[in-house]
Amino acid sequence: MIEFGKKKLKNKTLEELIRLAQQDNIDALEELVKRNQDSVYASFYYLSSNCEDILDLTQEALLKMARNIKKLKEPSKFKAWLNQIVSRLFYDYIRSKNRKLQTVPIDKKEDEQNDKFNVTDVPCKECTPEESSLNTELNCIIERSIHKLPDSFKLAIVLREFQGLSYEEIAQITNTNVGTVKSRISRARTKLQEDLKAYIA
């Protein structure tokens, strides 16, 4: 009977799961964690190059999500709220490593309409073995390229391209204005385009 209940939870919407979890439904909370663990891991994977740190940060983020789910007043804003947790942990991680958040002076504004590169467009689901091998190599290059970005650019591009957040949401999470977010993302994309030029030409 319990298994049947768990199966029913898989058909629940995200907002329904959140409301159930806020009512101390452990199974709903477990399902919520399962649905979001890959996304959280992916964020930290591109933010940190240390495998052990990625796992630790992912576990800590999911634990914070579980402990604080009742504080979320608007379930429709769950994704931005969860990414706020990820961002804060990332900033704490930087501080714990005795590093300053790397920034680059912003001397020009770019329009988001001019940004044609999307890192999520690179992998191909149906491809030949040769294409699959190329995609694996591309993913490695994208990963290395993102890791080389200043931390502020890295966080902005990950929240935008991998988490799909709006510029406004990213501005709120990173405590900056929308213009700054757009510029960081645009310049990060330009850098990624340069690194991938030989592969996506």
N, C-alpha and C. Protein backbone atom coordinates (compact mmCIF):
# COMPACT_ATOMS: atom_id res chain seq x y z
N MET A 1 0.82 -1.21 0.00
CA MET A 1 0.00 0.00 0.00
C MET A 1 0.86 1.26 0.00
N ILE A 2 1.98 1.20 0.73
CA ILE A 2 2.89 2.34 0.77
C ILE A 2 3.53 2.54 -0.61
N GLU A 3 3.90 1.41 -1.27
CA GLU A 3 4.49 1.50 -2.60
C GLU A 3 3.53 2.17 -3.56
N PHE A 4 2.23 1.83 -3.43
CA PHE A 4 1.22 2.40 -4.30
C PHE A 4 1.17 3.91 -4.09
N GLY A 5 1.28 4.34 -2.84
CA GLY A 5 1.27 5.76 -2.51
C GLY A 5 2.46 6.47 -3.13
N LYS A 6 3.62 5.83 -3.09
CA LYS A 6 4.82 6.42 -3.66
C LYS A 6 4.70 6.54 -5.17
N LYS A 7 4.09 5.53 -5.80
CA LYS A 7 3.90 5.58 -7.25
C LYS A 7 2.98 6.73 -7.64
N LYS A 8 1.97 6.97 -6.82
CA LYS A 8 1.04 8.07 -7.10
C LYS A 8 1.75 9.42 -7.02
N LEU A 9 2.74 9.51 -6.14
CA LEU A 9 3.47 10.77 -5.98
C LEU A 9 4.25 11.13 -7.25
N LYS A 10 4.65 10.13 -8.01
CA LYS A 10 5.42 10.39 -9.23
C LYS A 10 4.60 11.13 -10.27
N ASN A 11 3.27 11.05 -10.14
CA ASN A 11 2.39 11.73 -11.08
C ASN A 11 1.99 13.13 -10.61
N LYS A 12 2.44 13.48 -9.42
CA LYS A 12 2.10 14.80 -8.87
C LYS A 12 2.93 15.89 -9.55
N THR A 13 2.34 17.08 -9.64
CA THR A 13 3.10 18.21 -10.16
C THR A 13 4.10 18.64 -9.10
N LEU A 14 5.05 19.47 -9.50
CA LEU A 14 6.06 19.97 -8.57
C LEU A 14 5.40 20.73 -7.42
N GLU A 15 4.44 21.58 -7.74
CA GLU A 15 3.78 22.38 -6.70
C GLU A 15 3.00 21.50 -5.73
N GLU A 16 2.37 20.45 -6.25
CA GLU A 16 1.63 19.52 -5.38
C GLU A 16 2.60 18.81 -4.43
N LEU A 17 3.74 18.40 -4.96
CA LEU A 17 4.75 17.74 -4.12
C LEU A 17 5.24 18.66 -3.02
N ILE A 18 5.48 19.93 -3.38
CA ILE A 18 5.98 20.90 -2.41
C ILE A 18 4.97 21.07 -1.29
N ARG A 19 3.71 21.22 -1.63
CA ARG A 19 2.67 21.42 -0.61
C ARG A 19 2.55 20.20 0.31
N LEU A 20 2.68 19.01 -0.26
CA LEU A 20 2.64 17.79 0.55
C LEU A 20 3.86 17.72 1.46
N ALA A 21 5.03 18.07 0.93
CA ALA A 21 6.26 18.05 1.72
C ALA A 21 6.18 19.05 2.87
N GLN A 22 5.52 20.18 2.61
CA GLN A 22 5.35 21.20 3.65
C GLN A 22 4.39 20.74 4.76
N GLN A 23 3.63 19.68 4.44
CA GLN A 23 2.72 19.10 5.44
C GLN A 23 3.35 17.86 6.08
N ASP A 24 4.67 17.77 6.01
CA ASP A 24 5.44 16.68 6.63
C ASP A 24 5.24 15.32 5.98
N ASN A 25 4.91 15.32 4.69
CA ASN A 25 4.82 14.07 3.95
C ASN A 25 6.23 13.68 3.51
N ILE A 26 6.82 12.70 4.18
CA ILE A 26 8.21 12.30 3.93
C ILE A 26 8.39 11.75 2.52
N ASP A 27 7.40 10.98 2.04
CA ASP A 27 7.49 10.41 0.70
C ASP A 27 7.51 11.50 -0.36
N ALA A 28 6.73 12.54 -0.14
CA ALA A 28 6.71 13.67 -1.08
C ALA A 28 8.05 14.39 -1.08
N LEU A 29 8.62 14.55 0.10
CA LEU A 29 9.93 15.19 0.21
C LEU A 29 11.00 14.37 -0.49
N GLU A 30 10.92 13.05 -0.33
CA GLU A 30 11.86 12.15 -0.98
C GLU A 30 11.76 12.26 -2.50
N GLU A 31 10.53 12.32 -3.00
CA GLU A 31 10.31 12.46 -4.44
C GLU A 31 10.83 13.81 -4.94
N LEU A 32 10.67 14.83 -4.13
CA LEU A 32 11.15 16.17 -4.46
C LEU A 32 12.68 16.18 -4.59
N VAL A 33 13.33 15.49 -3.68
CA VAL A 33 14.79 15.38 -3.72
C VAL A 33 15.22 14.63 -4.98
N LYS A 34 14.54 13.52 -5.28
CA LYS A 34 14.88 12.71 -6.45
C LYS A 34 14.76 13.52 -7.74
N ARG A 35 13.71 14.34 -7.82
CA ARG A 35 13.47 15.11 -9.04
C ARG A 35 14.51 16.22 -9.24
N ASN A 36 15.11 16.66 -8.18
CA ASN A 36 16.01 17.82 -8.28
C ASN A 36 17.49 17.51 -8.09
N GLN A 37 17.83 16.30 -7.67
CA GLN A 37 19.22 16.00 -7.36
C GLN A 37 20.14 16.11 -8.59
N ASP A 38 19.66 15.67 -9.75
CA ASP A 38 20.51 15.75 -10.95
C ASP A 38 20.77 17.20 -11.35
N SER A 39 19.73 18.01 -11.24
CA SER A 39 19.85 19.43 -11.60
C SER A 39 20.83 20.15 -10.67
N VAL A 40 20.73 19.89 -9.38
CA VAL A 40 21.63 20.51 -8.40
C VAL A 40 23.06 20.03 -8.64
N TYR A 41 23.23 18.72 -8.87
CA TYR A 41 24.55 18.17 -9.14
C TYR A 41 25.16 18.81 -10.38
N ALA A 42 24.35 18.97 -11.42
CA ALA A 42 24.84 19.57 -12.68
C ALA A 42 25.35 20.98 -12.44
N SER A 43 24.65 21.75 -11.62
CA SER A 43 25.09 23.12 -11.32
C SER A 43 26.46 23.11 -10.68
N PHE A 44 26.63 22.31 -9.64
CA PHE A 44 27.91 22.27 -8.94
C PHE A 44 29.01 21.65 -9.81
N TYR A 45 28.62 20.75 -10.70
CA TYR A 45 29.59 20.12 -11.60
C TYR A 45 30.28 21.16 -12.45
N TYR A 46 29.52 22.15 -12.92
CA TYR A 46 30.10 23.20 -13.75
C TYR A 46 30.70 24.34 -12.93
N LEU A 47 30.33 24.44 -11.67
CA LEU A 47 30.86 25.50 -10.81
C LEU A 47 32.17 25.10 -10.13
N SER A 48 32.33 23.81 -9.87
CA SER A 48 33.53 23.34 -9.17
C SER A 48 34.22 22.24 -9.95
N SER A 49 35.55 22.22 -9.90
CA SER A 49 36.30 21.18 -10.62
C SER A 49 36.71 20.04 -9.69
N ASN A 50 36.36 20.13 -8.41
CA ASN A 50 36.73 19.10 -7.43
C ASN A 50 35.56 18.14 -7.23
N CYS A 51 35.75 16.87 -7.62
CA CYS A 51 34.67 15.88 -7.58
C CYS A 51 34.10 15.69 -6.17
N GLU A 52 34.98 15.60 -5.18
CA GLU A 52 34.51 15.41 -3.80
C GLU A 52 33.68 16.59 -3.35
N ASP A 53 34.10 17.80 -3.71
CA ASP A 53 33.36 19.00 -3.35
C ASP A 53 31.98 19.01 -4.01
N ILE A 54 31.92 18.56 -5.25
CA ILE A 54 30.65 18.55 -5.99
C ILE A 54 29.62 17.69 -5.25
N LEU A 55 30.03 16.50 -4.82
CA LEU A 55 29.12 15.60 -4.10
C LEU A 55 28.70 16.19 -2.76
N ASP A 56 29.66 16.75 -2.04
CA ASP A 56 29.36 17.36 -0.74
C ASP A 56 28.41 18.53 -0.87
N LEU A 57 28.68 19.39 -1.86
CA LEU A 57 27.84 20.57 -2.08
C LEU A 57 26.43 20.17 -2.50
N THR A 58 26.33 19.14 -3.33
CA THR A 58 25.02 18.66 -3.78
C THR A 58 24.21 18.14 -2.59
N GLN A 59 24.84 17.32 -1.75
CA GLN A 59 24.16 16.78 -0.57
C GLN A 59 23.72 17.90 0.37
N GLU A 60 24.61 18.88 0.56
CA GLU A 60 24.29 19.97 1.46
C GLU A 60 23.13 20.81 0.93
N ALA A 61 23.12 21.05 -0.37
CA ALA A 61 22.04 21.83 -0.98
C ALA A 61 20.70 21.12 -0.83
N LEU A 62 20.68 19.81 -1.09
CA LEU A 62 19.44 19.04 -0.99
C LEU A 62 18.97 18.95 0.46
N LEU A 63 19.92 18.87 1.38
CA LEU A 63 19.58 18.84 2.80
C LEU A 63 18.96 20.17 3.23
N LYS A 64 19.55 21.27 2.77
CA LYS A 64 19.01 22.59 3.09
C LYS A 64 17.62 22.76 2.49
N MET A 65 17.45 22.25 1.28
CA MET A 65 16.14 22.30 0.64
C MET A 65 15.10 21.58 1.50
N ALA A 66 15.45 20.36 1.94
CA ALA A 66 14.53 19.56 2.74
C ALA A 66 14.20 20.23 4.08
N ARG A 67 15.23 20.77 4.73
CA ARG A 67 15.03 21.39 6.04
C ARG A 67 14.22 22.68 5.98
N ASN A 68 14.33 23.38 4.85
CA ASN A 68 13.72 24.71 4.76
C ASN A 68 12.49 24.78 3.86
N ILE A 69 12.01 23.63 3.40
CA ILE A 69 10.90 23.62 2.44
C ILE A 69 9.66 24.33 2.98
N LYS A 70 9.45 24.29 4.28
CA LYS A 70 8.26 24.93 4.87
C LYS A 70 8.35 26.46 4.79
N LYS A 71 9.56 26.98 4.62
CA LYS A 71 9.73 28.43 4.55
C LYS A 71 9.39 29.00 3.18
N LEU A 72 9.26 28.10 2.18
CA LEU A 72 8.93 28.55 0.83
C LEU A 72 7.46 28.94 0.76
N LYS A 73 7.20 30.23 0.62
CA LYS A 73 5.81 30.72 0.65
C LYS A 73 5.10 30.54 -0.69
N GLU A 74 5.86 30.61 -1.80
CA GLU A 74 5.26 30.48 -3.12
C GLU A 74 5.88 29.30 -3.86
N PRO A 75 5.21 28.16 -3.86
CA PRO A 75 5.75 26.97 -4.54
C PRO A 75 6.09 27.20 -6.01
N SER A 76 5.42 28.16 -6.66
CA SER A 76 5.70 28.43 -8.07
C SER A 76 7.11 29.00 -8.27
N LYS A 77 7.71 29.50 -7.18
CA LYS A 77 9.05 30.08 -7.26
C LYS A 77 10.12 29.11 -6.72
N PHE A 78 9.77 27.84 -6.70
CA PHE A 78 10.68 26.82 -6.14
C PHE A 78 12.04 26.80 -6.81
N LYS A 79 12.05 26.84 -8.16
CA LYS A 79 13.31 26.71 -8.89
C LYS A 79 14.28 27.84 -8.53
N ALA A 80 13.77 29.07 -8.50
CA ALA A 80 14.62 30.21 -8.14
C ALA A 80 15.08 30.10 -6.69
N TRP A 81 14.17 29.62 -5.83
CA TRP A 81 14.49 29.46 -4.40
C TRP A 81 15.60 28.41 -4.21
N LEU A 82 15.49 27.30 -4.92
CA LEU A 82 16.50 26.24 -4.83
C LEU A 82 17.84 26.74 -5.35
N ASN A 83 17.82 27.49 -6.43
CA ASN A 83 19.06 28.02 -6.98
C ASN A 83 19.68 29.10 -6.10
N GLN A 84 18.84 29.74 -5.28
CA GLN A 84 19.37 30.67 -4.27
C GLN A 84 20.22 29.88 -3.26
N ILE A 85 19.73 28.71 -2.88
CA ILE A 85 20.47 27.84 -1.96
C ILE A 85 21.79 27.42 -2.61
N VAL A 86 21.73 27.00 -3.87
CA VAL A 86 22.93 26.59 -4.60
C VAL A 86 23.94 27.73 -4.67
N SER A 87 23.46 28.93 -4.99
CA SER A 87 24.34 30.10 -5.12
C SER A 87 25.00 30.46 -3.80
N ARG A 88 24.24 30.45 -2.73
CA ARG A 88 24.80 30.78 -1.42
C ARG A 88 25.88 29.77 -1.01
N LEU A 89 25.60 28.50 -1.28
CA LEU A 89 26.59 27.47 -0.96
C LEU A 89 27.86 27.65 -1.80
N PHE A 90 27.67 28.06 -3.06
CA PHE A 90 28.82 28.30 -3.93
C PHE A 90 29.67 29.45 -3.39
N TYR A 91 29.01 30.54 -2.97
CA TYR A 91 29.74 31.68 -2.40
C TYR A 91 30.46 31.27 -1.12
N ASP A 92 29.79 30.48 -0.29
CA ASP A 92 30.41 29.99 0.95
C ASP A 92 31.61 29.10 0.64
N TYR A 93 31.46 28.30 -0.41
CA TYR A 93 32.53 27.40 -0.85
C TYR A 93 33.76 28.20 -1.27
N ILE A 94 33.53 29.27 -2.02
CA ILE A 94 34.63 30.13 -2.46
C ILE A 94 35.35 30.74 -1.25
N ARG A 95 34.55 31.24 -0.30
CA ARG A 95 35.13 31.85 0.90
C ARG A 95 35.91 30.82 1.72
N SER A 96 35.39 29.59 1.79
CA SER A 96 36.06 28.56 2.59
C SER A 96 37.40 28.15 1.98
N LYS A 97 37.53 28.38 0.67
CA LYS A 97 38.78 28.06 -0.02
C LYS A 97 39.72 29.27 -0.02
N ASN A 98 39.36 30.29 0.78
CA ASN A 98 40.16 31.52 0.88
C ASN A 98 40.36 32.18 -0.48
N ARG A 99 39.32 32.13 -1.28
CA ARG A 99 39.37 32.78 -2.58
C ARG A 99 38.42 33.94 -2.60
N LYS A 100 38.76 34.93 -3.39
CA LYS A 100 37.83 36.04 -3.61
C LYS A 100 37.01 35.69 -4.83
N LEU A 101 35.77 36.19 -4.85
CA LEU A 101 34.94 35.97 -6.02
C LEU A 101 35.59 36.71 -7.19
N GLN A 102 35.95 35.97 -8.23
CA GLN A 102 36.60 36.59 -9.38
C GLN A 102 35.59 37.40 -10.17
N THR A 103 35.95 38.62 -10.48
CA THR A 103 35.08 39.46 -11.29
C THR A 103 35.90 40.08 -12.41
N VAL A 104 35.21 40.55 -13.43
CA VAL A 104 35.85 41.23 -14.54
C VAL A 104 35.12 42.54 -14.75
N PRO A 105 35.83 43.65 -14.93
CA PRO A 105 35.15 44.92 -15.14
C PRO A 105 34.21 44.84 -16.34
N ILE A 106 33.06 45.42 -16.19
CA ILE A 106 32.08 45.41 -17.27
C ILE A 106 32.14 46.76 -17.97
N ASP A 107 32.68 46.77 -19.20
CA ASP A 107 32.85 48.04 -19.88
C ASP A 107 31.93 48.21 -21.08
N LYS A 108 31.07 47.21 -21.31
CA LYS A 108 30.11 47.37 -22.40
C LYS A 108 28.89 46.53 -22.14
N LYS A 109 27.78 46.92 -22.74
CA LYS A 109 26.53 46.18 -22.58
C LYS A 109 26.24 45.46 -23.89
N GLU A 110 25.74 44.25 -23.77
CA GLU A 110 25.34 43.51 -24.95
C GLU A 110 23.87 43.14 -24.86
N ASP A 111 23.23 43.10 -25.99
CA ASP A 111 21.82 42.75 -26.05
C ASP A 111 21.70 41.24 -26.06
N GLU A 112 20.77 40.70 -25.26
CA GLU A 112 20.61 39.25 -25.20
C GLU A 112 20.21 38.65 -26.54
N GLN A 113 19.60 39.46 -27.43
CA GLN A 113 19.19 38.95 -28.73
C GLN A 113 20.40 38.58 -29.59
N ASN A 114 21.57 39.17 -29.29
CA ASN A 114 22.77 38.88 -30.06
C ASN A 114 23.46 37.61 -29.60
N ASP A 115 22.98 37.04 -28.49
CA ASP A 115 23.60 35.83 -27.94
C ASP A 115 23.00 34.61 -28.64
N LYS A 116 23.76 34.02 -29.55
CA LYS A 116 23.23 32.90 -30.33
C LYS A 116 23.68 31.55 -29.81
N PHE A 117 24.66 31.57 -28.93
CA PHE A 117 25.21 30.30 -28.44
C PHE A 117 24.48 29.84 -27.20
N ASN A 118 24.07 28.60 -27.18
CA ASN A 118 23.41 28.04 -26.02
C ASN A 118 24.10 26.72 -25.69
N VAL A 119 24.72 26.64 -24.51
CA VAL A 119 25.50 25.44 -24.19
C VAL A 119 24.64 24.19 -24.14
N THR A 120 23.35 24.34 -23.90
CA THR A 120 22.49 23.15 -23.83
C THR A 120 22.15 22.62 -25.22
N ASP A 121 22.52 23.37 -26.29
CA ASP A 121 22.24 22.92 -27.64
C ASP A 121 23.30 21.96 -28.17
N VAL A 122 24.43 21.87 -27.49
CA VAL A 122 25.55 21.10 -28.04
C VAL A 122 25.32 19.60 -28.06
N PRO A 123 24.91 18.96 -26.93
CA PRO A 123 24.76 17.50 -26.97
C PRO A 123 23.66 17.05 -27.94
N CYS A 124 23.87 15.90 -28.57
CA CYS A 124 22.89 15.34 -29.50
C CYS A 124 22.42 14.00 -28.98
N LYS A 125 21.09 13.80 -28.93
CA LYS A 125 20.55 12.57 -28.35
C LYS A 125 20.65 11.39 -29.31
N GLU A 126 20.46 11.65 -30.60
CA GLU A 126 20.53 10.56 -31.57
C GLU A 126 21.68 10.84 -32.53
N CYS A 127 22.77 10.13 -32.37
CA CYS A 127 23.91 10.40 -33.22
C CYS A 127 24.74 9.13 -33.43
N THR A 128 25.61 9.19 -34.41
CA THR A 128 26.49 8.06 -34.72
C THR A 128 27.56 7.95 -33.64
N PRO A 129 28.27 6.81 -33.59
CA PRO A 129 29.36 6.67 -32.60
C PRO A 129 30.39 7.79 -32.72
N GLU A 130 30.69 8.19 -33.99
CA GLU A 130 31.65 9.28 -34.19
C GLU A 130 31.13 10.58 -33.60
N GLU A 131 29.84 10.86 -33.85
CA GLU A 131 29.23 12.09 -33.31
C GLU A 131 29.15 12.03 -31.80
N SER A 132 28.87 10.83 -31.28
CA SER A 132 28.81 10.66 -29.83
C SER A 132 30.16 10.95 -29.18
N SER A 133 31.22 10.47 -29.83
CA SER A 133 32.56 10.72 -29.33
C SER A 133 32.89 12.21 -29.37
N LEU A 134 32.47 12.87 -30.44
CA LEU A 134 32.69 14.31 -30.57
C LEU A 134 31.94 15.07 -29.49
N ASN A 135 30.69 14.64 -29.22
CA ASN A 135 29.89 15.29 -28.18
C ASN A 135 30.53 15.14 -26.80
N THR A 136 31.11 13.95 -26.54
CA THR A 136 31.80 13.75 -25.26
C THR A 136 32.97 14.72 -25.15
N GLU A 137 33.71 14.86 -26.25
CA GLU A 137 34.84 15.79 -26.27
C GLU A 137 34.35 17.23 -26.10
N LEU A 138 33.23 17.55 -26.76
CA LEU A 138 32.65 18.89 -26.64
C LEU A 138 32.25 19.19 -25.20
N ASN A 139 31.63 18.21 -24.55
CA ASN A 139 31.22 18.41 -23.16
C ASN A 139 32.42 18.69 -22.26
N CYS A 140 33.52 17.98 -22.53
CA CYS A 140 34.75 18.20 -21.74
C CYS A 140 35.29 19.61 -21.98
N ILE A 141 35.24 20.05 -23.23
CA ILE A 141 35.73 21.39 -23.56
C ILE A 141 34.85 22.46 -22.93
N ILE A 142 33.53 22.23 -22.98
CA ILE A 142 32.59 23.17 -22.35
C ILE A 142 32.86 23.25 -20.85
N GLU A 143 33.04 22.08 -20.24
CA GLU A 143 33.30 22.03 -18.80
C GLU A 143 34.57 22.81 -18.45
N ARG A 144 35.65 22.54 -19.19
CA ARG A 144 36.92 23.23 -18.93
C ARG A 144 36.79 24.73 -19.16
N SER A 145 36.06 25.08 -20.22
CA SER A 145 35.89 26.48 -20.55
C SER A 145 35.10 27.22 -19.47
N ILE A 146 34.05 26.59 -18.96
CA ILE A 146 33.26 27.20 -17.90
C ILE A 146 34.08 27.34 -16.62
N HIS A 147 34.87 26.33 -16.31
CA HIS A 147 35.71 26.38 -15.10
C HIS A 147 36.74 27.50 -15.16
N LYS A 148 37.14 27.91 -16.39
CA LYS A 148 38.12 28.98 -16.53
C LYS A 148 37.50 30.37 -16.40
N LEU A 149 36.18 30.45 -16.45
CA LEU A 149 35.51 31.75 -16.37
C LEU A 149 35.66 32.35 -14.96
N PRO A 150 35.62 33.68 -14.85
CA PRO A 150 35.55 34.29 -13.51
C PRO A 150 34.32 33.74 -12.79
N ASP A 151 34.39 33.60 -11.47
CA ASP A 151 33.31 32.97 -10.71
C ASP A 151 31.95 33.64 -10.94
N SER A 152 31.94 34.96 -11.03
CA SER A 152 30.68 35.67 -11.22
C SER A 152 30.06 35.32 -12.57
N PHE A 153 30.90 35.18 -13.61
CA PHE A 153 30.41 34.80 -14.94
C PHE A 153 29.94 33.35 -14.93
N LYS A 154 30.73 32.51 -14.26
CA LYS A 154 30.44 31.08 -14.18
C LYS A 154 29.06 30.84 -13.56
N LEU A 155 28.80 31.51 -12.44
CA LEU A 155 27.52 31.33 -11.76
C LEU A 155 26.37 31.81 -12.64
N ALA A 156 26.54 32.96 -13.28
CA ALA A 156 25.48 33.53 -14.12
C ALA A 156 25.15 32.61 -15.30
N ILE A 157 26.18 32.08 -15.97
CA ILE A 157 25.95 31.23 -17.15
C ILE A 157 25.32 29.90 -16.76
N VAL A 158 25.72 29.35 -15.61
CA VAL A 158 25.14 28.09 -15.15
C VAL A 158 23.66 28.28 -14.79
N LEU A 159 23.35 29.35 -14.08
CA LEU A 159 21.96 29.60 -13.70
C LEU A 159 21.09 29.85 -14.93
N ARG A 160 21.66 30.50 -15.95
CA ARG A 160 20.89 30.80 -17.16
C ARG A 160 20.76 29.59 -18.07
N GLU A 161 21.89 28.99 -18.44
CA GLU A 161 21.87 27.94 -19.46
C GLU A 161 21.49 26.56 -18.94
N PHE A 162 21.89 26.25 -17.71
CA PHE A 162 21.61 24.91 -17.20
C PHE A 162 20.37 24.85 -16.31
N GLN A 163 20.06 25.96 -15.65
CA GLN A 163 18.88 25.99 -14.78
C GLN A 163 17.71 26.73 -15.42
N GLY A 164 17.96 27.46 -16.48
CA GLY A 164 16.89 28.12 -17.22
C GLY A 164 16.24 29.28 -16.50
N LEU A 165 16.97 29.94 -15.60
CA LEU A 165 16.40 31.06 -14.86
C LEU A 165 16.37 32.32 -15.73
N SER A 166 15.46 33.21 -15.42
CA SER A 166 15.38 34.48 -16.14
C SER A 166 16.49 35.41 -15.67
N TYR A 167 16.75 36.45 -16.44
CA TYR A 167 17.76 37.44 -16.04
C TYR A 167 17.38 38.09 -14.71
N GLU A 168 16.08 38.33 -14.54
CA GLU A 168 15.59 38.96 -13.30
C GLU A 168 15.84 38.07 -12.09
N GLU A 169 15.59 36.76 -12.26
CA GLU A 169 15.81 35.81 -11.16
C GLU A 169 17.29 35.72 -10.81
N ILE A 170 18.14 35.71 -11.84
CA ILE A 170 19.58 35.63 -11.59
C ILE A 170 20.07 36.90 -10.90
N ALA A 171 19.54 38.04 -11.31
CA ALA A 171 19.91 39.31 -10.68
C ALA A 171 19.56 39.29 -9.20
N GLN A 172 18.39 38.76 -8.89
CA GLN A 172 17.96 38.68 -7.49
C GLN A 172 18.85 37.72 -6.70
N ILE A 173 19.15 36.58 -7.27
CA ILE A 173 19.97 35.57 -6.60
C ILE A 173 21.38 36.07 -6.35
N THR A 174 21.96 36.76 -7.34
CA THR A 174 23.35 37.21 -7.25
C THR A 174 23.48 38.63 -6.69
N ASN A 175 22.34 39.21 -6.35
CA ASN A 175 22.33 40.55 -5.75
C ASN A 175 23.01 41.59 -6.66
N THR A 176 22.66 41.52 -7.96
CA THR A 176 23.16 42.49 -8.93
C THR A 176 21.99 42.99 -9.75
N ASN A 177 22.24 43.93 -10.68
CA ASN A 177 21.14 44.39 -11.53
C ASN A 177 21.08 43.57 -12.82
N VAL A 178 19.97 43.67 -13.52
CA VAL A 178 19.74 42.87 -14.72
C VAL A 178 20.77 43.17 -15.80
N GLY A 179 21.16 44.44 -15.95
CA GLY A 179 22.15 44.80 -16.95
C GLY A 179 23.48 44.11 -16.71
N THR A 180 23.88 44.02 -15.45
CA THR A 180 25.13 43.34 -15.11
C THR A 180 25.04 41.86 -15.43
N VAL A 181 23.90 41.26 -15.10
CA VAL A 181 23.70 39.83 -15.39
C VAL A 181 23.78 39.57 -16.89
N LYS A 182 23.10 40.39 -17.69
CA LYS A 182 23.11 40.22 -19.15
C LYS A 182 24.52 40.33 -19.70
N SER A 183 25.26 41.31 -19.19
CA SER A 183 26.62 41.51 -19.68
C SER A 183 27.53 40.33 -19.32
N ARG A 184 27.40 39.85 -18.09
CA ARG A 184 28.21 38.70 -17.67
C ARG A 184 27.91 37.47 -18.52
N ILE A 185 26.63 37.22 -18.75
CA ILE A 185 26.24 36.05 -19.54
C ILE A 185 26.70 36.20 -20.98
N SER A 186 26.54 37.38 -21.54
CA SER A 186 26.95 37.62 -22.92
C SER A 186 28.45 37.40 -23.09
N ARG A 187 29.23 37.92 -22.15
CA ARG A 187 30.68 37.79 -22.25
C ARG A 187 31.13 36.35 -21.98
N ALA A 188 30.40 35.65 -21.11
CA ALA A 188 30.69 34.24 -20.87
C ALA A 188 30.42 33.43 -22.13
N ARG A 189 29.31 33.73 -22.80
CA ARG A 189 28.97 33.03 -24.04
C ARG A 189 30.01 33.30 -25.12
N THR A 190 30.48 34.54 -25.19
CA THR A 190 31.52 34.89 -26.17
C THR A 190 32.77 34.06 -25.94
N LYS A 191 33.15 33.92 -24.68
CA LYS A 191 34.33 33.13 -24.34
C LYS A 191 34.12 31.66 -24.71
N LEU A 192 32.94 31.14 -24.42
CA LEU A 192 32.65 29.74 -24.76
C LEU A 192 32.66 29.54 -26.27
N GLN A 193 32.11 30.52 -26.99
CA GLN A 193 32.11 30.43 -28.46
C GLN A 193 33.54 30.38 -29.00
N GLU A 194 34.42 31.17 -28.41
CA GLU A 194 35.82 31.19 -28.85
C GLU A 194 36.46 29.82 -28.63
N ASP A 195 36.20 29.22 -27.46
CA ASP A 195 36.79 27.93 -27.14
C ASP A 195 36.23 26.80 -28.01
N LEU A 196 34.99 26.98 -28.47
CA LEU A 196 34.33 25.92 -29.24
C LEU A 196 34.31 26.19 -30.74
N LYS A 197 34.95 27.26 -31.17
CA LYS A 197 34.90 27.70 -32.55
C LYS A 197 35.23 26.57 -33.53
N ALA A 198 36.26 25.81 -33.22
CA ALA A 198 36.71 24.75 -34.14
C ALA A 198 35.71 23.60 -34.22
N TYR A 199 34.80 23.51 -33.22
CA TYR A 199 33.87 22.38 -33.17
C TYR A 199 32.48 22.70 -33.67
N ILE A 200 32.09 23.98 -33.57
CA ILE A 200 30.71 24.32 -33.95
C ILE A 200 30.64 25.18 -35.19
N ALA A 201 31.77 25.34 -35.88
CA ALA A 201 31.80 26.15 -37.10
C ALA A 201 31.04 25.46 -38.21
